[in-house]
Each structure stands twice: as structure tokens, then as C-alpha cells.
PDB file of N, CA and C in Angstrom:
ATOM      1  N   MET A   1      68.502  39.319  51.368  1.00  0.00           N
ATOM      2  CA  MET A   1      67.462  39.950  50.585  1.00  0.00           C
ATOM      3  C   MET A   1      67.711  39.672  49.106  1.00  0.00           C
ATOM      4  N   GLN A   2      66.695  39.246  48.417  1.00  0.00           N
ATOM      5  CA  GLN A   2      66.829  38.993  46.990  1.00  0.00           C
ATOM      6  C   GLN A   2      66.641  40.292  46.229  1.00  0.00           C
ATOM      7  N   HIS A   3      67.357  40.395  45.133  1.00  0.00           N
ATOM      8  CA  HIS A   3      67.248  41.576  44.290  1.00  0.00           C
ATOM      9  C   HIS A   3      66.236  41.316  43.183  1.00  0.00           C
ATOM     10  N   LEU A   4      65.667  42.373  42.677  1.00  0.00           N
ATOM     11  CA  LEU A   4      64.720  42.246  41.573  1.00  0.00           C
ATOM     12  C   LEU A   4      65.471  41.867  40.304  1.00  0.00           C
ATOM     13  N   PRO A   5      64.823  41.142  39.405  1.00  0.00           N
ATOM     14  CA  PRO A   5      65.468  40.797  38.136  1.00  0.00           C
ATOM     15  C   PRO A   5      65.875  42.066  37.383  1.00  0.00           C
ATOM     16  N   PRO A   6      66.897  41.975  36.542  1.00  0.00           N
ATOM     17  CA  PRO A   6      67.400  43.158  35.841  1.00  0.00           C
ATOM     18  C   PRO A   6      66.342  43.923  35.038  1.00  0.00           C
ATOM     19  N   ASN A   7      65.406  43.246  34.435  1.00  0.00           N
ATOM     20  CA  ASN A   7      64.405  43.903  33.586  1.00  0.00           C
ATOM     21  C   ASN A   7      63.058  44.052  34.277  1.00  0.00           C
ATOM     22  N   PHE A   8      63.047  44.019  35.599  1.00  0.00           N
ATOM     23  CA  PHE A   8      61.790  44.052  36.345  1.00  0.00           C
ATOM     24  C   PHE A   8      60.935  45.265  35.986  1.00  0.00           C
ATOM     25  N   ALA A   9      61.515  46.457  35.977  1.00  0.00           N
ATOM     26  CA  ALA A   9      60.744  47.674  35.692  1.00  0.00           C
ATOM     27  C   ALA A   9      60.155  47.632  34.290  1.00  0.00           C
ATOM     28  N   ASP A  10      60.935  47.163  33.321  1.00  0.00           N
ATOM     29  CA  ASP A  10      60.430  47.062  31.950  1.00  0.00           C
ATOM     30  C   ASP A  10      59.303  46.037  31.854  1.00  0.00           C
ATOM     31  N   ASP A  11      59.477  44.904  32.532  1.00  0.00           N
ATOM     32  CA  ASP A  11      58.431  43.875  32.526  1.00  0.00           C
ATOM     33  C   ASP A  11      57.149  44.394  33.170  1.00  0.00           C
ATOM     34  N   LEU A  12      57.297  45.106  34.278  1.00  0.00           N
ATOM     35  CA  LEU A  12      56.136  45.680  34.957  1.00  0.00           C
ATOM     36  C   LEU A  12      55.441  46.703  34.057  1.00  0.00           C
ATOM     37  N   ALA A  13      56.209  47.546  33.408  1.00  0.00           N
ATOM     38  CA  ALA A  13      55.636  48.573  32.529  1.00  0.00           C
ATOM     39  C   ALA A  13      54.817  47.952  31.404  1.00  0.00           C
ATOM     40  N   GLN A  14      55.213  46.778  30.940  1.00  0.00           N
ATOM     41  CA  GLN A  14      54.481  46.114  29.864  1.00  0.00           C
ATOM     42  C   GLN A  14      53.091  45.670  30.300  1.00  0.00           C
ATOM     43  N   MET A  15      52.866  45.548  31.607  1.00  0.00           N
ATOM     44  CA  MET A  15      51.559  45.132  32.124  1.00  0.00           C
ATOM     45  C   MET A  15      50.611  46.307  32.318  1.00  0.00           C
ATOM     46  N   LEU A  16      51.125  47.525  32.173  1.00  0.00           N
ATOM     47  CA  LEU A  16      50.334  48.721  32.456  1.00  0.00           C
ATOM     48  C   LEU A  16      49.864  49.388  31.173  1.00  0.00           C
ATOM     49  N   GLU A  17      48.697  49.996  31.246  1.00  0.00           N
ATOM     50  CA  GLU A  17      48.181  50.785  30.128  1.00  0.00           C
ATOM     51  C   GLU A  17      49.223  51.863  29.814  1.00  0.00           C
ATOM     52  N   PRO A  18      49.726  51.919  28.564  1.00  0.00           N
ATOM     53  CA  PRO A  18      50.800  52.865  28.241  1.00  0.00           C
ATOM     54  C   PRO A  18      50.515  54.312  28.641  1.00  0.00           C
ATOM     55  N   SER A  19      49.308  54.783  28.430  1.00  0.00           N
ATOM     56  CA  SER A  19      49.000  56.181  28.752  1.00  0.00           C
ATOM     57  C   SER A  19      48.832  56.417  30.249  1.00  0.00           C
ATOM     58  N   HIS A  20      48.859  55.353  31.051  1.00  0.00           N
ATOM     59  CA  HIS A  20      48.657  55.466  32.498  1.00  0.00           C
ATOM     60  C   HIS A  20      49.933  55.178  33.288  1.00  0.00           C
ATOM     61  N   ARG A  21      51.033  54.954  32.616  1.00  0.00           N
ATOM     62  CA  ARG A  21      52.246  54.493  33.306  1.00  0.00           C
ATOM     63  C   ARG A  21      52.760  55.480  34.346  1.00  0.00           C
ATOM     64  N   GLY A  22      52.716  56.769  34.062  1.00  0.00           N
ATOM     65  CA  GLY A  22      53.182  57.761  35.030  1.00  0.00           C
ATOM     66  C   GLY A  22      52.353  57.755  36.294  1.00  0.00           C
ATOM     67  N   GLU A  23      51.025  57.768  36.135  1.00  0.00           N
ATOM     68  CA  GLU A  23      50.136  57.733  37.297  1.00  0.00           C
ATOM     69  C   GLU A  23      50.264  56.398  38.028  1.00  0.00           C
ATOM     70  N   ALA A  24      50.437  55.326  37.271  1.00  0.00           N
ATOM     71  CA  ALA A  24      50.577  54.004  37.881  1.00  0.00           C
ATOM     72  C   ALA A  24      51.816  53.950  38.767  1.00  0.00           C
ATOM     73  N   ALA A  25      52.882  54.575  38.328  1.00  0.00           N
ATOM     74  CA  ALA A  25      54.109  54.587  39.132  1.00  0.00           C
ATOM     75  C   ALA A  25      53.859  55.243  40.487  1.00  0.00           C
ATOM     76  N   GLY A  26      53.082  56.313  40.504  1.00  0.00           N
ATOM     77  CA  GLY A  26      52.758  56.983  41.760  1.00  0.00           C
ATOM     78  C   GLY A  26      51.946  56.105  42.691  1.00  0.00           C
ATOM     79  N   ILE A  27      51.017  55.351  42.139  1.00  0.00           N
ATOM     80  CA  ILE A  27      50.191  54.460  42.963  1.00  0.00           C
ATOM     81  C   ILE A  27      51.032  53.309  43.505  1.00  0.00           C
ATOM     82  N   ILE A  28      51.883  52.753  42.664  1.00  0.00           N
ATOM     83  CA  ILE A  28      52.747  51.663  43.120  1.00  0.00           C
ATOM     84  C   ILE A  28      53.689  52.170  44.212  1.00  0.00           C
ATOM     85  N   GLU A  29      54.193  53.381  44.046  1.00  0.00           N
ATOM     86  CA  GLU A  29      55.041  53.972  45.086  1.00  0.00           C
ATOM     87  C   GLU A  29      54.257  54.144  46.388  1.00  0.00           C
ATOM     88  N   ALA A  30      53.005  54.601  46.283  1.00  0.00           N
ATOM     89  CA  ALA A  30      52.170  54.761  47.480  1.00  0.00           C
ATOM     90  C   ALA A  30      51.932  53.415  48.161  1.00  0.00           C
ATOM     91  N   ALA A  31      51.816  52.361  47.381  1.00  0.00           N
ATOM     92  CA  ALA A  31      51.597  51.029  47.958  1.00  0.00           C
ATOM     93  C   ALA A  31      52.784  50.592  48.808  1.00  0.00           C
ATOM     94  N   THR A  32      53.974  51.079  48.488  1.00  0.00           N
ATOM     95  CA  THR A  32      55.148  50.695  49.276  1.00  0.00           C
ATOM     96  C   THR A  32      55.115  51.290  50.679  1.00  0.00           C
ATOM     97  N   ALA A  33      54.253  52.289  50.915  1.00  0.00           N
ATOM     98  CA  ALA A  33      54.124  52.889  52.247  1.00  0.00           C
ATOM     99  C   ALA A  33      53.121  52.139  53.124  1.00  0.00           C
ATOM    100  N   LEU A  34      52.439  51.157  52.559  1.00  0.00           N
ATOM    101  CA  LEU A  34      51.485  50.364  53.335  1.00  0.00           C
ATOM    102  C   LEU A  34      52.225  49.451  54.306  1.00  0.00           C
ATOM    103  N   ASP A  35      51.520  49.021  55.344  1.00  0.00           N
ATOM    104  CA  ASP A  35      52.117  48.022  56.226  1.00  0.00           C
ATOM    105  C   ASP A  35      52.173  46.684  55.480  1.00  0.00           C
ATOM    106  N   ASP A  36      52.748  45.685  56.111  1.00  0.00           N
ATOM    107  CA  ASP A  36      52.942  44.398  55.436  1.00  0.00           C
ATOM    108  C   ASP A  36      51.640  43.808  54.907  1.00  0.00           C
ATOM    109  N   GLU A  37      50.593  43.849  55.720  1.00  0.00           N
ATOM    110  CA  GLU A  37      49.303  43.281  55.302  1.00  0.00           C
ATOM    111  C   GLU A  37      48.718  44.054  54.123  1.00  0.00           C
ATOM    112  N   GLY A  38      48.795  45.364  54.172  1.00  0.00           N
ATOM    113  CA  GLY A  38      48.280  46.182  53.080  1.00  0.00           C
ATOM    114  C   GLY A  38      49.043  45.950  51.788  1.00  0.00           C
ATOM    115  N   LEU A  39      50.370  45.897  51.874  1.00  0.00           N
ATOM    116  CA  LEU A  39      51.179  45.646  50.679  1.00  0.00           C
ATOM    117  C   LEU A  39      50.901  44.254  50.132  1.00  0.00           C
ATOM    118  N   ARG A  40      50.759  43.284  51.021  1.00  0.00           N
ATOM    119  CA  ARG A  40      50.426  41.922  50.584  1.00  0.00           C
ATOM    120  C   ARG A  40      49.096  41.920  49.825  1.00  0.00           C
ATOM    121  N   THR A  41      48.110  42.642  50.343  1.00  0.00           N
ATOM    122  CA  THR A  41      46.810  42.721  49.676  1.00  0.00           C
ATOM    123  C   THR A  41      46.957  43.361  48.302  1.00  0.00           C
ATOM    124  N   PHE A  42      47.687  44.470  48.220  1.00  0.00           N
ATOM    125  CA  PHE A  42      47.898  45.155  46.938  1.00  0.00           C
ATOM    126  C   PHE A  42      48.536  44.206  45.926  1.00  0.00           C
ATOM    127  N   LEU A  43      49.591  43.529  46.330  1.00  0.00           N
ATOM    128  CA  LEU A  43      50.282  42.621  45.413  1.00  0.00           C
ATOM    129  C   LEU A  43      49.413  41.429  45.030  1.00  0.00           C
ATOM    130  N   ASP A  44      48.617  40.920  45.968  1.00  0.00           N
ATOM    131  CA  ASP A  44      47.692  39.824  45.651  1.00  0.00           C
ATOM    132  C   ASP A  44      46.661  40.264  44.616  1.00  0.00           C
ATOM    133  N   LEU A  45      46.086  41.453  44.802  1.00  0.00           N
ATOM    134  CA  LEU A  45      45.104  41.969  43.848  1.00  0.00           C
ATOM    135  C   LEU A  45      45.736  42.177  42.477  1.00  0.00           C
ATOM    136  N   PHE A  46      46.945  42.716  42.470  1.00  0.00           N
ATOM    137  CA  PHE A  46      47.670  42.932  41.219  1.00  0.00           C
ATOM    138  C   PHE A  46      47.908  41.593  40.515  1.00  0.00           C
ATOM    139  N   ALA A  47      48.384  40.609  41.257  1.00  0.00           N
ATOM    140  CA  ALA A  47      48.665  39.297  40.675  1.00  0.00           C
ATOM    141  C   ALA A  47      47.400  38.620  40.156  1.00  0.00           C
ATOM    142  N   GLN A  48      46.308  38.720  40.908  1.00  0.00           N
ATOM    143  CA  GLN A  48      45.039  38.144  40.454  1.00  0.00           C
ATOM    144  C   GLN A  48      44.613  38.767  39.134  1.00  0.00           C
ATOM    145  N   ARG A  49      44.773  40.072  39.033  1.00  0.00           N
ATOM    146  CA  ARG A  49      44.370  40.779  37.814  1.00  0.00           C
ATOM    147  C   ARG A  49      45.236  40.366  36.627  1.00  0.00           C
ATOM    148  N   VAL A  50      46.538  40.217  36.855  1.00  0.00           N
ATOM    149  CA  VAL A  50      47.443  39.786  35.782  1.00  0.00           C
ATOM    150  C   VAL A  50      47.045  38.398  35.292  1.00  0.00           C
ATOM    151  N   ARG A  51      46.715  37.512  36.224  1.00  0.00           N
ATOM    152  CA  ARG A  51      46.302  36.156  35.836  1.00  0.00           C
ATOM    153  C   ARG A  51      44.953  36.144  35.125  1.00  0.00           C
ATOM    154  N   ALA A  52      44.078  37.067  35.457  1.00  0.00           N
ATOM    155  CA  ALA A  52      42.709  37.063  34.927  1.00  0.00           C
ATOM    156  C   ALA A  52      42.603  37.595  33.504  1.00  0.00           C
ATOM    157  N   SER A  53      43.514  38.472  33.105  1.00  0.00           N
ATOM    158  CA  SER A  53      43.362  39.107  31.800  1.00  0.00           C
ATOM    159  C   SER A  53      44.704  39.592  31.266  1.00  0.00           C
ATOM    160  N   ALA A  54      44.861  39.503  29.957  1.00  0.00           N
ATOM    161  CA  ALA A  54      46.070  40.013  29.303  1.00  0.00           C
ATOM    162  C   ALA A  54      45.966  41.507  28.997  1.00  0.00           C
ATOM    163  N   ARG A  55      44.766  42.090  29.229  1.00  0.00           N
ATOM    164  CA  ARG A  55      44.600  43.536  29.004  1.00  0.00           C
ATOM    165  C   ARG A  55      45.562  44.311  29.891  1.00  0.00           C
ATOM    166  N   PRO A  56      46.069  45.447  29.422  1.00  0.00           N
ATOM    167  CA  PRO A  56      46.906  46.281  30.289  1.00  0.00           C
ATOM    168  C   PRO A  56      46.116  46.767  31.508  1.00  0.00           C
ATOM    169  N   ILE A  57      46.791  46.870  32.625  1.00  0.00           N
ATOM    170  CA  ILE A  57      46.180  47.329  33.872  1.00  0.00           C
ATOM    171  C   ILE A  57      46.075  48.846  33.839  1.00  0.00           C
ATOM    172  N   THR A  58      44.925  49.361  34.227  1.00  0.00           N
ATOM    173  CA  THR A  58      44.676  50.802  34.154  1.00  0.00           C
ATOM    174  C   THR A  58      44.937  51.494  35.492  1.00  0.00           C
ATOM    175  N   HIS A  59      45.038  52.805  35.406  1.00  0.00           N
ATOM    176  CA  HIS A  59      45.190  53.661  36.586  1.00  0.00           C
ATOM    177  C   HIS A  59      44.032  53.433  37.550  1.00  0.00           C
ATOM    178  N   ALA A  60      42.817  53.372  37.043  1.00  0.00           N
ATOM    179  CA  ALA A  60      41.633  53.182  37.894  1.00  0.00           C
ATOM    180  C   ALA A  60      41.697  51.851  38.640  1.00  0.00           C
ATOM    181  N   GLU A  61      42.154  50.809  37.970  1.00  0.00           N
ATOM    182  CA  GLU A  61      42.275  49.510  38.647  1.00  0.00           C
ATOM    183  C   GLU A  61      43.289  49.589  39.785  1.00  0.00           C
ATOM    184  N   LEU A  62      44.427  50.215  39.524  1.00  0.00           N
ATOM    185  CA  LEU A  62      45.444  50.345  40.566  1.00  0.00           C
ATOM    186  C   LEU A  62      44.934  51.177  41.734  1.00  0.00           C
ATOM    187  N   GLN A  63      44.147  52.208  41.444  1.00  0.00           N
ATOM    188  CA  GLN A  63      43.553  53.011  42.522  1.00  0.00           C
ATOM    189  C   GLN A  63      42.644  52.147  43.389  1.00  0.00           C
ATOM    190  N   ARG A  64      41.850  51.278  42.756  1.00  0.00           N
ATOM    191  CA  ARG A  64      40.976  50.379  43.520  1.00  0.00           C
ATOM    192  C   ARG A  64      41.799  49.413  44.368  1.00  0.00           C
ATOM    193  N   PHE A  65      42.872  48.875  43.790  1.00  0.00           N
ATOM    194  CA  PHE A  65      43.735  47.969  44.551  1.00  0.00           C
ATOM    195  C   PHE A  65      44.292  48.687  45.779  1.00  0.00           C
ATOM    196  N   LEU A  66      44.735  49.936  45.597  1.00  0.00           N
ATOM    197  CA  LEU A  66      45.316  50.691  46.706  1.00  0.00           C
ATOM    198  C   LEU A  66      44.266  50.987  47.766  1.00  0.00           C
ATOM    199  N   ALA A  67      43.075  51.396  47.344  1.00  0.00           N
ATOM    200  CA  ALA A  67      42.003  51.695  48.307  1.00  0.00           C
ATOM    201  C   ALA A  67      41.640  50.451  49.111  1.00  0.00           C
ATOM    202  N   THR A  68      41.521  49.318  48.446  1.00  0.00           N
ATOM    203  CA  THR A  68      41.214  48.063  49.135  1.00  0.00           C
ATOM    204  C   THR A  68      42.341  47.691  50.095  1.00  0.00           C
ATOM    205  N   SER A  69      43.557  47.904  49.665  1.00  0.00           N
ATOM    206  CA  SER A  69      44.726  47.565  50.481  1.00  0.00           C
ATOM    207  C   SER A  69      44.815  48.428  51.722  1.00  0.00           C
ATOM    208  N   LYS A  70      44.432  49.680  51.608  1.00  0.00           N
ATOM    209  CA  LYS A  70      44.452  50.575  52.773  1.00  0.00           C
ATOM    210  C   LYS A  70      43.448  50.112  53.820  1.00  0.00           C
ATOM    211  N   LYS A  71      42.347  49.520  53.376  1.00  0.00           N
ATOM    212  CA  LYS A  71      41.338  49.018  54.312  1.00  0.00           C
ATOM    213  C   LYS A  71      41.821  47.759  55.027  1.00  0.00           C
ATOM    214  N   SER A  72      42.681  46.984  54.357  1.00  0.00           N
ATOM    215  CA  SER A  72      43.129  45.718  54.943  1.00  0.00           C
ATOM    216  C   SER A  72      44.279  45.905  55.919  1.00  0.00           C
ATOM    217  N   GLY A  73      44.995  47.003  55.793  1.00  0.00           N
ATOM    218  CA  GLY A  73      46.139  47.252  56.663  1.00  0.00           C
ATOM    219  C   GLY A  73      46.146  48.695  57.092  1.00  0.00           C
ATOM    220  N   HIS A  74      47.249  49.140  57.611  1.00  0.00           N
ATOM    221  CA  HIS A  74      47.396  50.532  58.034  1.00  0.00           C
ATOM    222  C   HIS A  74      48.544  51.134  57.253  1.00  0.00           C
ATOM    223  N   SER A  75      48.300  52.257  56.611  1.00  0.00           N
ATOM    224  CA  SER A  75      49.354  52.893  55.833  1.00  0.00           C
ATOM    225  C   SER A  75      50.227  53.747  56.733  1.00  0.00           C
ATOM    226  N   HIS A  76      51.432  53.971  56.275  1.00  0.00           N
ATOM    227  CA  HIS A  76      52.376  54.829  56.982  1.00  0.00           C
ATOM    228  C   HIS A  76      52.561  56.086  56.162  1.00  0.00           C
ATOM    229  N   GLY A  77      52.031  57.188  56.621  1.00  0.00           N
ATOM    230  CA  GLY A  77      52.230  58.456  55.946  1.00  0.00           C
ATOM    231  C   GLY A  77      51.318  58.720  54.781  1.00  0.00           C
ATOM    232  N   LEU A  78      50.264  57.935  54.606  1.00  0.00           N
ATOM    233  CA  LEU A  78      49.349  58.182  53.484  1.00  0.00           C
ATOM    234  C   LEU A  78      48.067  58.778  53.976  1.00  0.00           C
TER     235      LEU A  78
END
């Protein structure tokens, strides 16, 4: 298993709207409870958004990614 880079959390935080970081952490945590397909969808949507715009990612965008991801897979405990 590969480990995350040392500054991964800081790098991720830089992509998020500063005032939404706390809520974003909760959504990202919820995404980890998705099955493999759902998590893959969430990460794909996140990556597409990062490539599409340098704007910080908002809480609402992450909520949409999670909702879409739940439809593509089955969540565990959500």
C-alpha cells in the first residue's frame, strides 16, 4: 500500500474554499464510506473539477459529487 505524500492534507486544503474546509472534511470523510465504484466516481468528479478550474472547490460542489457518487455505487453506513 502506498502512503500519501507528507503534505497531502495541506495540498488538498488549498483546493477548497477556505470558509468551507470544515464541512468539506465531513463530506470527504463520508465519501470514504462509499463502495469502490462510488469512491471512484467521487474522486473522478473531484479530479475533473480541479482540472476545469483554479477556483476553490465549494461545499455545495462536494455535496453534488457525493450525491452523484452514491447513485453510482452503494454506500456503507450512509
